[in-house]
PDB file of N, CA and C in Angstrom:
ATOM      1  N   MET A   1      98.470 136.181  97.536  1.00  0.00           N
ATOM      2  CA  MET A   1      99.656 136.976  97.277  1.00  0.00           C
ATOM      3  C   MET A   1     100.885 136.186  97.732  1.00  0.00           C
ATOM      4  N   PRO A   2     101.847 135.972  96.841  1.00  0.00           N
ATOM      5  CA  PRO A   2     103.030 135.197  97.237  1.00  0.00           C
ATOM      6  C   PRO A   2     103.894 135.958  98.238  1.00  0.00           C
ATOM      7  N   ILE A   3     104.629 135.199  99.009  1.00  0.00           N
ATOM      8  CA  ILE A   3     105.555 135.770  99.987  1.00  0.00           C
ATOM      9  C   ILE A   3     106.745 136.367  99.230  1.00  0.00           C
ATOM     10  N   GLN A   4     107.134 137.571  99.596  1.00  0.00           N
ATOM     11  CA  GLN A   4     108.302 138.216  99.011  1.00  0.00           C
ATOM     12  C   GLN A   4     109.497 137.966  99.922  1.00  0.00           C
ATOM     13  N   LEU A   5     110.629 137.598  99.309  1.00  0.00           N
ATOM     14  CA  LEU A   5     111.834 137.296 100.077  1.00  0.00           C
ATOM     15  C   LEU A   5     112.871 138.401  99.946  1.00  0.00           C
ATOM     16  N   ALA A   6     113.575 138.645 101.034  1.00  0.00           N
ATOM     17  CA  ALA A   6     114.755 139.501 101.070  1.00  0.00           C
ATOM     18  C   ALA A   6     115.838 138.690 101.772  1.00  0.00           C
ATOM     19  N   PHE A   7     117.073 139.161 101.689  1.00  0.00           N
ATOM     20  CA  PHE A   7     118.194 138.391 102.220  1.00  0.00           C
ATOM     21  C   PHE A   7     119.102 139.271 103.062  1.00  0.00           C
ATOM     22  N   GLN A   8     119.703 138.679 104.081  1.00  0.00           N
ATOM     23  CA  GLN A   8     120.593 139.390 105.002  1.00  0.00           C
ATOM     24  C   GLN A   8     121.785 139.998 104.271  1.00  0.00           C
ATOM     25  N   ASP A   9     122.331 139.269 103.274  1.00  0.00           N
ATOM     26  CA  ASP A   9     123.474 139.776 102.526  1.00  0.00           C
ATOM     27  C   ASP A   9     123.529 139.122 101.144  1.00  0.00           C
ATOM     28  N   GLU A  10     124.456 139.590 100.316  1.00  0.00           N
ATOM     29  CA  GLU A  10     124.567 139.102  98.937  1.00  0.00           C
ATOM     30  C   GLU A  10     124.984 137.631  98.860  1.00  0.00           C
ATOM     31  N   ASN A  11     125.868 137.191  99.767  1.00  0.00           N
ATOM     32  CA  ASN A  11     126.285 135.788  99.746  1.00  0.00           C
ATOM     33  C   ASN A  11     125.103 134.863 100.011  1.00  0.00           C
ATOM     34  N   LEU A  12     124.279 135.230 100.956  1.00  0.00           N
ATOM     35  CA  LEU A  12     123.097 134.432 101.273  1.00  0.00           C
ATOM     36  C   LEU A  12     122.117 134.446 100.099  1.00  0.00           C
ATOM     37  N   ARG A  13     121.951 135.588  99.471  1.00  0.00           N
ATOM     38  CA  ARG A  13     121.087 135.685  98.292  1.00  0.00           C
ATOM     39  C   ARG A  13     121.574 134.733  97.196  1.00  0.00           C
ATOM     40  N   LYS A  14     122.884 134.733  96.953  1.00  0.00           N
ATOM     41  CA  LYS A  14     123.448 133.894  95.895  1.00  0.00           C
ATOM     42  C   LYS A  14     123.161 132.420  96.159  1.00  0.00           C
ATOM     43  N   VAL A  15     123.378 131.978  97.384  1.00  0.00           N
ATOM     44  CA  VAL A  15     123.128 130.574  97.733  1.00  0.00           C
ATOM     45  C   VAL A  15     121.647 130.234  97.593  1.00  0.00           C
ATOM     46  N   CYS A  16     120.801 131.145  98.011  1.00  0.00           N
ATOM     47  CA  CYS A  16     119.358 130.880  97.977  1.00  0.00           C
ATOM     48  C   CYS A  16     118.776 130.955  96.570  1.00  0.00           C
ATOM     49  N   GLU A  17     119.428 131.671  95.671  1.00  0.00           N
ATOM     50  CA  GLU A  17     118.897 131.818  94.318  1.00  0.00           C
ATOM     51  C   GLU A  17     119.602 130.942  93.291  1.00  0.00           C
ATOM     52  N   SER A  18     120.705 130.315  93.651  1.00  0.00           N
ATOM     53  CA  SER A  18     121.456 129.478  92.712  1.00  0.00           C
ATOM     54  C   SER A  18     121.532 128.044  93.223  1.00  0.00           C
ATOM     55  N   THR A  19     120.961 127.120  92.469  1.00  0.00           N
ATOM     56  CA  THR A  19     121.023 125.717  92.886  1.00  0.00           C
ATOM     57  C   THR A  19     122.458 125.212  92.894  1.00  0.00           C
ATOM     58  N   VAL A  20     123.272 125.697  91.973  1.00  0.00           N
ATOM     59  CA  VAL A  20     124.677 125.282  91.922  1.00  0.00           C
ATOM     60  C   VAL A  20     125.404 125.742  93.185  1.00  0.00           C
ATOM     61  N   SER A  21     125.221 126.999  93.568  1.00  0.00           N
ATOM     62  CA  SER A  21     125.863 127.523  94.787  1.00  0.00           C
ATOM     63  C   SER A  21     125.378 126.787  96.029  1.00  0.00           C
ATOM     64  N   ALA A  22     124.087 126.500  96.086  1.00  0.00           N
ATOM     65  CA  ALA A  22     123.529 125.795  97.244  1.00  0.00           C
ATOM     66  C   ALA A  22     124.094 124.385  97.347  1.00  0.00           C
ATOM     67  N   LYS A  23     124.182 123.671  96.228  1.00  0.00           N
ATOM     68  CA  LYS A  23     124.747 122.313  96.244  1.00  0.00           C
ATOM     69  C   LYS A  23     126.209 122.350  96.653  1.00  0.00           C
ATOM     70  N   ARG A  24     126.943 123.314  96.120  1.00  0.00           N
ATOM     71  CA  ARG A  24     128.367 123.429  96.427  1.00  0.00           C
ATOM     72  C   ARG A  24     128.578 123.687  97.922  1.00  0.00           C
ATOM     73  N   LYS A  25     127.761 124.547  98.506  1.00  0.00           N
ATOM     74  CA  LYS A  25     127.955 124.924  99.909  1.00  0.00           C
ATOM     75  C   LYS A  25     127.353 123.924 100.888  1.00  0.00           C
ATOM     76  N   TYR A  26     126.180 123.349 100.558  1.00  0.00           N
ATOM     77  CA  TYR A  26     125.456 122.516 101.525  1.00  0.00           C
ATOM     78  C   TYR A  26     125.297 121.058 101.108  1.00  0.00           C
ATOM     79  N   GLY A  27     125.808 120.704  99.941  1.00  0.00           N
ATOM     80  CA  GLY A  27     125.770 119.310  99.527  1.00  0.00           C
ATOM     81  C   GLY A  27     124.591 118.967  98.630  1.00  0.00           C
ATOM     82  N   GLY A  28     124.637 117.732  98.132  1.00  0.00           N
ATOM     83  CA  GLY A  28     123.654 117.266  97.162  1.00  0.00           C
ATOM     84  C   GLY A  28     122.260 117.057  97.705  1.00  0.00           C
ATOM     85  N   LEU A  29     122.109 116.924  99.012  1.00  0.00           N
ATOM     86  CA  LEU A  29     120.775 116.761  99.595  1.00  0.00           C
ATOM     87  C   LEU A  29     120.229 118.080 100.130  1.00  0.00           C
ATOM     88  N   ALA A  30     121.017 118.775 100.931  1.00  0.00           N
ATOM     89  CA  ALA A  30     120.534 120.014 101.550  1.00  0.00           C
ATOM     90  C   ALA A  30     120.374 121.142 100.531  1.00  0.00           C
ATOM     91  N   GLY A  31     121.249 121.203  99.532  1.00  0.00           N
ATOM     92  CA  GLY A  31     121.154 122.265  98.521  1.00  0.00           C
ATOM     93  C   GLY A  31     119.805 122.273  97.813  1.00  0.00           C
ATOM     94  N   PRO A  32     119.416 121.151  97.186  1.00  0.00           N
ATOM     95  CA  PRO A  32     118.095 121.111  96.542  1.00  0.00           C
ATOM     96  C   PRO A  32     116.944 121.251  97.541  1.00  0.00           C
ATOM     97  N   SER A  33     117.115 120.728  98.743  1.00  0.00           N
ATOM     98  CA  SER A  33     116.066 120.859  99.762  1.00  0.00           C
ATOM     99  C   SER A  33     115.859 122.323 100.148  1.00  0.00           C
ATOM    100  N   LEU A  34     116.950 123.088 100.198  1.00  0.00           N
ATOM    101  CA  LEU A  34     116.851 124.519 100.482  1.00  0.00           C
ATOM    102  C   LEU A  34     115.956 125.196  99.450  1.00  0.00           C
ATOM    103  N   HIS A  35     116.202 124.904  98.186  1.00  0.00           N
ATOM    104  CA  HIS A  35     115.415 125.539  97.121  1.00  0.00           C
ATOM    105  C   HIS A  35     113.964 125.087  97.140  1.00  0.00           C
ATOM    106  N   ALA A  36     113.730 123.838  97.450  1.00  0.00           N
ATOM    107  CA  ALA A  36     112.352 123.341  97.554  1.00  0.00           C
ATOM    108  C   ALA A  36     111.613 124.039  98.695  1.00  0.00           C
ATOM    109  N   ARG A  37     112.296 124.202  99.823  1.00  0.00           N
ATOM    110  CA  ARG A  37     111.648 124.827 100.977  1.00  0.00           C
ATOM    111  C   ARG A  37     111.374 126.306 100.723  1.00  0.00           C
ATOM    112  N   LEU A  38     112.306 126.994 100.059  1.00  0.00           N
ATOM    113  CA  LEU A  38     112.064 128.402  99.735  1.00  0.00           C
ATOM    114  C   LEU A  38     110.922 128.544  98.732  1.00  0.00           C
ATOM    115  N   ALA A  39     110.801 127.590  97.811  1.00  0.00           N
ATOM    116  CA  ALA A  39     109.665 127.588  96.876  1.00  0.00           C
ATOM    117  C   ALA A  39     108.361 127.379  97.642  1.00  0.00           C
ATOM    118  N   ASP A  40     108.383 126.488  98.633  1.00  0.00           N
ATOM    119  CA  ASP A  40     107.200 126.290  99.483  1.00  0.00           C
ATOM    120  C   ASP A  40     106.824 127.594 100.182  1.00  0.00           C
ATOM    121  N   LEU A  41     107.831 128.295 100.709  1.00  0.00           N
ATOM    122  CA  LEU A  41     107.583 129.549 101.416  1.00  0.00           C
ATOM    123  C   LEU A  41     106.970 130.586 100.480  1.00  0.00           C
ATOM    124  N   LYS A  42     107.546 130.732  99.285  1.00  0.00           N
ATOM    125  CA  LYS A  42     107.032 131.719  98.335  1.00  0.00           C
ATOM    126  C   LYS A  42     105.601 131.405  97.904  1.00  0.00           C
ATOM    127  N   ALA A  43     105.272 130.130  97.820  1.00  0.00           N
ATOM    128  CA  ALA A  43     103.938 129.718  97.371  1.00  0.00           C
ATOM    129  C   ALA A  43     102.886 129.786  98.478  1.00  0.00           C
ATOM    130  N   ALA A  44     103.323 129.861  99.711  1.00  0.00           N
ATOM    131  CA  ALA A  44     102.389 129.860 100.850  1.00  0.00           C
ATOM    132  C   ALA A  44     101.644 131.189 100.946  1.00  0.00           C
ATOM    133  N   ASP A  45     100.485 131.150 101.565  1.00  0.00           N
ATOM    134  CA  ASP A  45      99.743 132.384 101.834  1.00  0.00           C
ATOM    135  C   ASP A  45     100.417 133.193 102.937  1.00  0.00           C
ATOM    136  N   SER A  46     101.057 132.502 103.869  1.00  0.00           N
ATOM    137  CA  SER A  46     101.786 133.160 104.952  1.00  0.00           C
ATOM    138  C   SER A  46     102.802 132.161 105.501  1.00  0.00           C
ATOM    139  N   PRO A  47     103.834 132.638 106.207  1.00  0.00           N
ATOM    140  CA  PRO A  47     104.799 131.718 106.805  1.00  0.00           C
ATOM    141  C   PRO A  47     104.159 130.737 107.783  1.00  0.00           C
ATOM    142  N   SER A  48     103.051 131.097 108.376  1.00  0.00           N
ATOM    143  CA  SER A  48     102.397 130.178 109.318  1.00  0.00           C
ATOM    144  C   SER A  48     101.920 128.909 108.622  1.00  0.00           C
ATOM    145  N   ASP A  49     101.710 128.959 107.310  1.00  0.00           N
ATOM    146  CA  ASP A  49     101.352 127.741 106.572  1.00  0.00           C
ATOM    147  C   ASP A  49     102.451 126.689 106.707  1.00  0.00           C
ATOM    148  N   LEU A  50     103.724 127.106 106.642  1.00  0.00           N
ATOM    149  CA  LEU A  50     104.819 126.152 106.775  1.00  0.00           C
ATOM    150  C   LEU A  50     104.802 125.484 108.140  1.00  0.00           C
ATOM    151  N   VAL A  51     104.445 126.236 109.169  1.00  0.00           N
ATOM    152  CA  VAL A  51     104.323 125.660 110.511  1.00  0.00           C
ATOM    153  C   VAL A  51     103.175 124.650 110.520  1.00  0.00           C
ATOM    154  N   ASP A  52     102.048 125.022 109.936  1.00  0.00           N
ATOM    155  CA  ASP A  52     100.892 124.117 109.868  1.00  0.00           C
ATOM    156  C   ASP A  52     101.227 122.831 109.118  1.00  0.00           C
ATOM    157  N   TRP A  53     102.082 122.927 108.101  1.00  0.00           N
ATOM    158  CA  TRP A  53     102.464 121.766 107.290  1.00  0.00           C
ATOM    159  C   TRP A  53     103.593 120.953 107.924  1.00  0.00           C
ATOM    160  N   GLY A  54     104.135 121.400 109.061  1.00  0.00           N
ATOM    161  CA  GLY A  54     105.219 120.690 109.731  1.00  0.00           C
ATOM    162  C   GLY A  54     106.590 120.962 109.139  1.00  0.00           C
ATOM    163  N   LEU A  55     106.721 122.038 108.355  1.00  0.00           N
ATOM    164  CA  LEU A  55     107.981 122.357 107.691  1.00  0.00           C
ATOM    165  C   LEU A  55     108.772 123.448 108.402  1.00  0.00           C
ATOM    166  N   ALA A  56     108.214 123.987 109.472  1.00  0.00           N
ATOM    167  CA  ALA A  56     108.860 125.085 110.192  1.00  0.00           C
ATOM    168  C   ALA A  56     108.287 125.169 111.599  1.00  0.00           C
ATOM    169  N   LYS A  57     108.944 126.003 112.421  1.00  0.00           N
ATOM    170  CA  LYS A  57     108.421 126.299 113.759  1.00  0.00           C
ATOM    171  C   LYS A  57     108.742 127.752 114.063  1.00  0.00           C
ATOM    172  N   PHE A  58     107.929 128.350 114.905  1.00  0.00           N
ATOM    173  CA  PHE A  58     108.212 129.712 115.334  1.00  0.00           C
ATOM    174  C   PHE A  58     109.333 129.664 116.355  1.00  0.00           C
ATOM    175  N   ASP A  59     110.253 130.625 116.269  1.00  0.00           N
ATOM    176  CA  ASP A  59     111.374 130.702 117.201  1.00  0.00           C
ATOM    177  C   ASP A  59     110.848 131.155 118.559  1.00  0.00           C
ATOM    178  N   GLN A  60     111.028 130.332 119.569  1.00  0.00           N
ATOM    179  CA  GLN A  60     110.518 130.669 120.895  1.00  0.00           C
ATOM    180  C   GLN A  60     111.285 131.814 121.539  1.00  0.00           C
ATOM    181  N   ALA A  61     112.514 132.066 121.067  1.00  0.00           N
ATOM    182  CA  ALA A  61     113.327 133.142 121.636  1.00  0.00           C
ATOM    183  C   ALA A  61     113.004 134.505 121.022  1.00  0.00           C
ATOM    184  N   SER A  62     112.383 134.509 119.840  1.00  0.00           N
ATOM    185  CA  SER A  62     112.082 135.769 119.162  1.00  0.00           C
ATOM    186  C   SER A  62     110.752 135.656 118.435  1.00  0.00           C
ATOM    187  N   ASP A  63     109.789 136.441 118.845  1.00  0.00           N
ATOM    188  CA  ASP A  63     108.446 136.410 118.260  1.00  0.00           C
ATOM    189  C   ASP A  63     108.448 136.713 116.766  1.00  0.00           C
ATOM    190  N   SER A  64     109.455 137.445 116.284  1.00  0.00           N
ATOM    191  CA  SER A  64     109.471 137.856 114.884  1.00  0.00           C
ATOM    192  C   SER A  64     110.310 136.942 113.996  1.00  0.00           C
ATOM    193  N   GLN A  65     110.746 135.783 114.514  1.00  0.00           N
ATOM    194  CA  GLN A  65     111.555 134.871 113.708  1.00  0.00           C
ATOM    195  C   GLN A  65     110.906 133.500 113.599  1.00  0.00           C
ATOM    196  N   ILE A  66     111.245 132.828 112.498  1.00  0.00           N
ATOM    197  CA  ILE A  66     110.744 131.495 112.215  1.00  0.00           C
ATOM    198  C   ILE A  66     111.930 130.633 111.787  1.00  0.00           C
ATOM    199  N   ILE A  67     111.904 129.368 112.170  1.00  0.00           N
ATOM    200  CA  ILE A  67     112.931 128.400 111.791  1.00  0.00           C
ATOM    201  C   ILE A  67     112.304 127.475 110.751  1.00  0.00           C
ATOM    202  N   ILE A  68     112.897 127.435 109.558  1.00  0.00           N
ATOM    203  CA  ILE A  68     112.375 126.619 108.465  1.00  0.00           C
ATOM    204  C   ILE A  68     113.315 125.438 108.276  1.00  0.00           C
ATOM    205  N   PHE A  69     112.776 124.236 108.394  1.00  0.00           N
ATOM    206  CA  PHE A  69     113.582 123.026 108.305  1.00  0.00           C
ATOM    207  C   PHE A  69     113.975 122.746 106.859  1.00  0.00           C
ATOM    208  N   ILE A  70     115.270 122.486 106.643  1.00  0.00           N
ATOM    209  CA  ILE A  70     115.750 122.102 105.314  1.00  0.00           C
ATOM    210  C   ILE A  70     115.896 120.590 105.260  1.00  0.00           C
ATOM    211  N   ASP A  71     116.685 120.070 106.179  1.00  0.00           N
ATOM    212  CA  ASP A  71     116.868 118.624 106.318  1.00  0.00           C
ATOM    213  C   ASP A  71     117.325 118.375 107.752  1.00  0.00           C
ATOM    214  N   ASP A  72     117.865 117.200 108.027  1.00  0.00           N
ATOM    215  CA  ASP A  72     118.294 116.896 109.392  1.00  0.00           C
ATOM    216  C   ASP A  72     119.504 117.718 109.834  1.00  0.00           C
ATOM    217  N   GLU A  73     120.276 118.245 108.870  1.00  0.00           N
ATOM    218  CA  GLU A  73     121.499 118.970 109.208  1.00  0.00           C
ATOM    219  C   GLU A  73     121.352 120.486 109.261  1.00  0.00           C
ATOM    220  N   TYR A  74     120.451 121.052 108.469  1.00  0.00           N
ATOM    221  CA  TYR A  74     120.377 122.506 108.329  1.00  0.00           C
ATOM    222  C   TYR A  74     118.956 123.033 108.485  1.00  0.00           C
ATOM    223  N   HIS A  75     118.876 124.301 108.889  1.00  0.00           N
ATOM    224  CA  HIS A  75     117.606 125.018 108.866  1.00  0.00           C
ATOM    225  C   HIS A  75     117.870 126.478 108.492  1.00  0.00           C
ATOM    226  N   VAL A  76     116.818 127.140 108.055  1.00  0.00           N
ATOM    227  CA  VAL A  76     116.873 128.554 107.693  1.00  0.00           C
ATOM    228  C   VAL A  76     116.261 129.351 108.838  1.00  0.00           C
ATOM    229  N   ARG A  77     116.935 130.403 109.238  1.00  0.00           N
ATOM    230  CA  ARG A  77     116.375 131.348 110.215  1.00  0.00           C
ATOM    231  C   ARG A  77     115.902 132.557 109.412  1.00  0.00           C
ATOM    232  N   ALA A  78     114.642 132.922 109.595  1.00  0.00           N
ATOM    233  CA  ALA A  78     114.054 134.031 108.846  1.00  0.00           C
ATOM    234  C   ALA A  78     113.235 134.906 109.787  1.00  0.00           C
ATOM    235  N   ALA A  79     112.948 136.116 109.326  1.00  0.00           N
ATOM    236  CA  ALA A  79     112.186 137.066 110.143  1.00  0.00           C
ATOM    237  C   ALA A  79     111.156 137.781 109.284  1.00  0.00           C
ATOM    238  N   ALA A  80     110.104 138.233 109.931  1.00  0.00           N
ATOM    239  CA  ALA A  80     109.142 139.096 109.246  1.00  0.00           C
ATOM    240  C   ALA A  80     109.901 140.340 108.793  1.00  0.00           C
ATOM    241  N   ASN A  81     109.648 140.779 107.567  1.00  0.00           N
ATOM    242  CA  ASN A  81     110.393 141.904 107.013  1.00  0.00           C
ATOM    243  C   ASN A  81     109.504 143.138 106.826  1.00  0.00           C
ATOM    244  N   HIS A  82     108.447 143.218 107.605  1.00  0.00           N
ATOM    245  CA  HIS A  82     107.580 144.392 107.635  1.00  0.00           C
ATOM    246  C   HIS A  82     106.758 144.314 108.910  1.00  0.00           C
ATOM    247  N   ASN A  83     105.974 145.304 109.171  1.00  0.00           N
ATOM    248  CA  ASN A  83     105.155 145.335 110.379  1.00  0.00           C
ATOM    249  C   ASN A  83     103.692 145.109 110.025  1.00  0.00           C
ATOM    250  N   PRO A  84     103.272 143.850 109.985  1.00  0.00           N
ATOM    251  CA  PRO A  84     101.857 143.585 109.714  1.00  0.00           C
ATOM    252  C   PRO A  84     101.018 143.963 110.929  1.00  0.00           C
ATOM    253  N   PRO A  85      99.707 143.992 110.764  1.00  0.00           N
ATOM    254  CA  PRO A  85      98.863 144.280 111.931  1.00  0.00           C
ATOM    255  C   PRO A  85      99.152 143.286 113.054  1.00  0.00           C
ATOM    256  N   PRO A  86      99.234 143.756 114.292  1.00  0.00           N
ATOM    257  CA  PRO A  86      99.535 142.845 115.400  1.00  0.00           C
ATOM    258  C   PRO A  86      98.376 141.900 115.685  1.00  0.00           C
ATOM    259  N   GLY A  87      98.717 140.772 116.243  1.00  0.00           N
ATOM    260  CA  GLY A  87      97.699 139.816 116.671  1.00  0.00           C
ATOM    261  C   GLY A  87      97.391 140.071 118.133  1.00  0.00           C
ATOM    262  N   THR A  88      97.525 139.035 118.932  1.00  0.00           N
ATOM    263  CA  THR A  88      97.364 139.166 120.374  1.00  0.00           C
ATOM    264  C   THR A  88      98.335 140.242 120.853  1.00  0.00           C
ATOM    265  N   PRO A  89      97.956 141.065 121.808  1.00  0.00           N
ATOM    266  CA  PRO A  89      98.864 142.121 122.260  1.00  0.00           C
ATOM    267  C   PRO A  89     100.285 141.598 122.500  1.00  0.00           C
ATOM    268  N   GLY A  90     101.242 142.259 121.834  1.00  0.00           N
ATOM    269  CA  GLY A  90     102.635 141.884 121.982  1.00  0.00           C
ATOM    270  C   GLY A  90     103.082 140.733 121.107  1.00  0.00           C
ATOM    271  N   LYS A  91     102.195 140.179 120.299  1.00  0.00           N
ATOM    272  CA  LYS A  91     102.538 139.035 119.447  1.00  0.00           C
ATOM    273  C   LYS A  91     102.393 139.404 117.978  1.00  0.00           C
ATOM    274  N   LEU A  92     103.295 138.895 117.165  1.00  0.00           N
ATOM    275  CA  LEU A  92     103.227 139.074 115.724  1.00  0.00           C
ATOM    276  C   LEU A  92     102.185 138.112 115.152  1.00  0.00           C
ATOM    277  N   ASP A  93     101.315 138.597 114.306  1.00  0.00           N
ATOM    278  CA  ASP A  93     100.336 137.740 113.632  1.00  0.00           C
ATOM    279  C   ASP A  93     100.962 137.247 112.332  1.00  0.00           C
ATOM    280  N   TRP A  94     101.554 136.056 112.373  1.00  0.00           N
ATOM    281  CA  TRP A  94     102.267 135.507 111.223  1.00  0.00           C
ATOM    282  C   TRP A  94     101.356 135.292 110.019  1.00  0.00           C
ATOM    283  N   LYS A  95     100.071 135.165 110.218  1.00  0.00           N
ATOM    284  CA  LYS A  95      99.149 134.999 109.089  1.00  0.00           C
ATOM    285  C   LYS A  95      99.061 136.272 108.241  1.00  0.00           C
ATOM    286  N   GLN A  96      99.485 137.405 108.793  1.00  0.00           N
ATOM    287  CA  GLN A  96      99.471 138.680 108.068  1.00  0.00           C
ATOM    288  C   GLN A  96     100.818 139.005 107.420  1.00  0.00           C
ATOM    289  N   VAL A  97     101.833 138.184 107.646  1.00  0.00           N
ATOM    290  CA  VAL A  97     103.177 138.448 107.119  1.00  0.00           C
ATOM    291  C   VAL A  97     103.229 138.087 105.636  1.00  0.00           C
ATOM    292  N   THR A  98     103.675 139.044 104.813  1.00  0.00           N
ATOM    293  CA  THR A  98     103.806 138.813 103.373  1.00  0.00           C
ATOM    294  C   THR A  98     105.232 139.028 102.872  1.00  0.00           C
ATOM    295  N   ARG A  99     106.108 139.530 103.737  1.00  0.00           N
ATOM    296  CA  ARG A  99     107.511 139.724 103.363  1.00  0.00           C
ATOM    297  C   ARG A  99     108.389 139.107 104.443  1.00  0.00           C
ATOM    298  N   VAL A 100     109.351 138.314 103.998  1.00  0.00           N
ATOM    299  CA  VAL A 100     110.220 137.571 104.908  1.00  0.00           C
ATOM    300  C   VAL A 100     111.670 137.832 104.525  1.00  0.00           C
ATOM    301  N   LYS A 101     112.508 138.046 105.535  1.00  0.00           N
ATOM    302  CA  LYS A 101     113.944 138.221 105.314  1.00  0.00           C
ATOM    303  C   LYS A 101     114.659 136.965 105.774  1.00  0.00           C
ATOM    304  N   ILE A 102     115.422 136.361 104.872  1.00  0.00           N
ATOM    305  CA  ILE A 102     116.237 135.197 105.203  1.00  0.00           C
ATOM    306  C   ILE A 102     117.482 135.722 105.917  1.00  0.00           C
ATOM    307  N   LEU A 103     117.644 135.330 107.181  1.00  0.00           N
ATOM    308  CA  LEU A 103     118.740 135.841 108.004  1.00  0.00           C
ATOM    309  C   LEU A 103     119.989 134.975 107.931  1.00  0.00           C
ATOM    310  N   SER A 104     119.796 133.651 107.941  1.00  0.00           N
ATOM    311  CA  SER A 104     120.949 132.751 107.947  1.00  0.00           C
ATOM    312  C   SER A 104     120.509 131.331 107.634  1.00  0.00           C
ATOM    313  N   ILE A 105     121.491 130.529 107.273  1.00  0.00           N
ATOM    314  CA  ILE A 105     121.322 129.086 107.149  1.00  0.00           C
ATOM    315  C   ILE A 105     122.264 128.498 108.184  1.00  0.00           C
ATOM    316  N   GLU A 106     121.715 127.712 109.098  1.00  0.00           N
ATOM    317  CA  GLU A 106     122.481 127.232 110.252  1.00  0.00           C
ATOM    318  C   GLU A 106     122.427 125.719 110.347  1.00  0.00           C
ATOM    319  N   ARG A 107     123.438 125.171 110.988  1.00  0.00           N
ATOM    320  CA  ARG A 107     123.384 123.744 111.316  1.00  0.00           C
ATOM    321  C   ARG A 107     122.265 123.538 112.321  1.00  0.00           C
ATOM    322  N   ALA A 108     121.504 122.495 112.145  1.00  0.00           N
ATOM    323  CA  ALA A 108     120.335 122.247 112.990  1.00  0.00           C
ATOM    324  C   ALA A 108     120.716 122.019 114.446  1.00  0.00           C
ATOM    325  N   ASN A 109     121.899 121.502 114.709  1.00  0.00           N
ATOM    326  CA  ASN A 109     122.288 121.196 116.090  1.00  0.00           C
ATOM    327  C   ASN A 109     122.992 122.355 116.784  1.00  0.00           C
ATOM    328  N   GLU A 110     123.042 123.548 116.179  1.00  0.00           N
ATOM    329  CA  GLU A 110     123.714 124.698 116.795  1.00  0.00           C
ATOM    330  C   GLU A 110     122.864 125.375 117.852  1.00  0.00           C
ATOM    331  N   ASN A 111     121.572 125.096 117.901  1.00  0.00           N
ATOM    332  CA  ASN A 111     120.695 125.765 118.877  1.00  0.00           C
ATOM    333  C   ASN A 111     120.366 124.868 120.019  1.00  0.00           C
TER     334      ASN A 111
END
């Protein structure tokens, strides 16, 4: 089952769904990379696959968020967008996540 995406707001949706908007906002390298990474996410069985492939990491500050690498300058911050069955007590089981909300696109050096 492919991952379903939702977006924090309409501007973010537009950038994530339009290659022209993404290139205009993030440049000729990060724009296409954003779309490639979102395609990887949609094709994955779960967001944890991206972590296994070295394309993302779980946010250590928030159990329900994941950081998806776009390039050296930018990353996507996303969150589980439903309540899948829990894993270890108090931990989100990312292998059960099928809906993800894109929260923001941030400069990689902001954290």
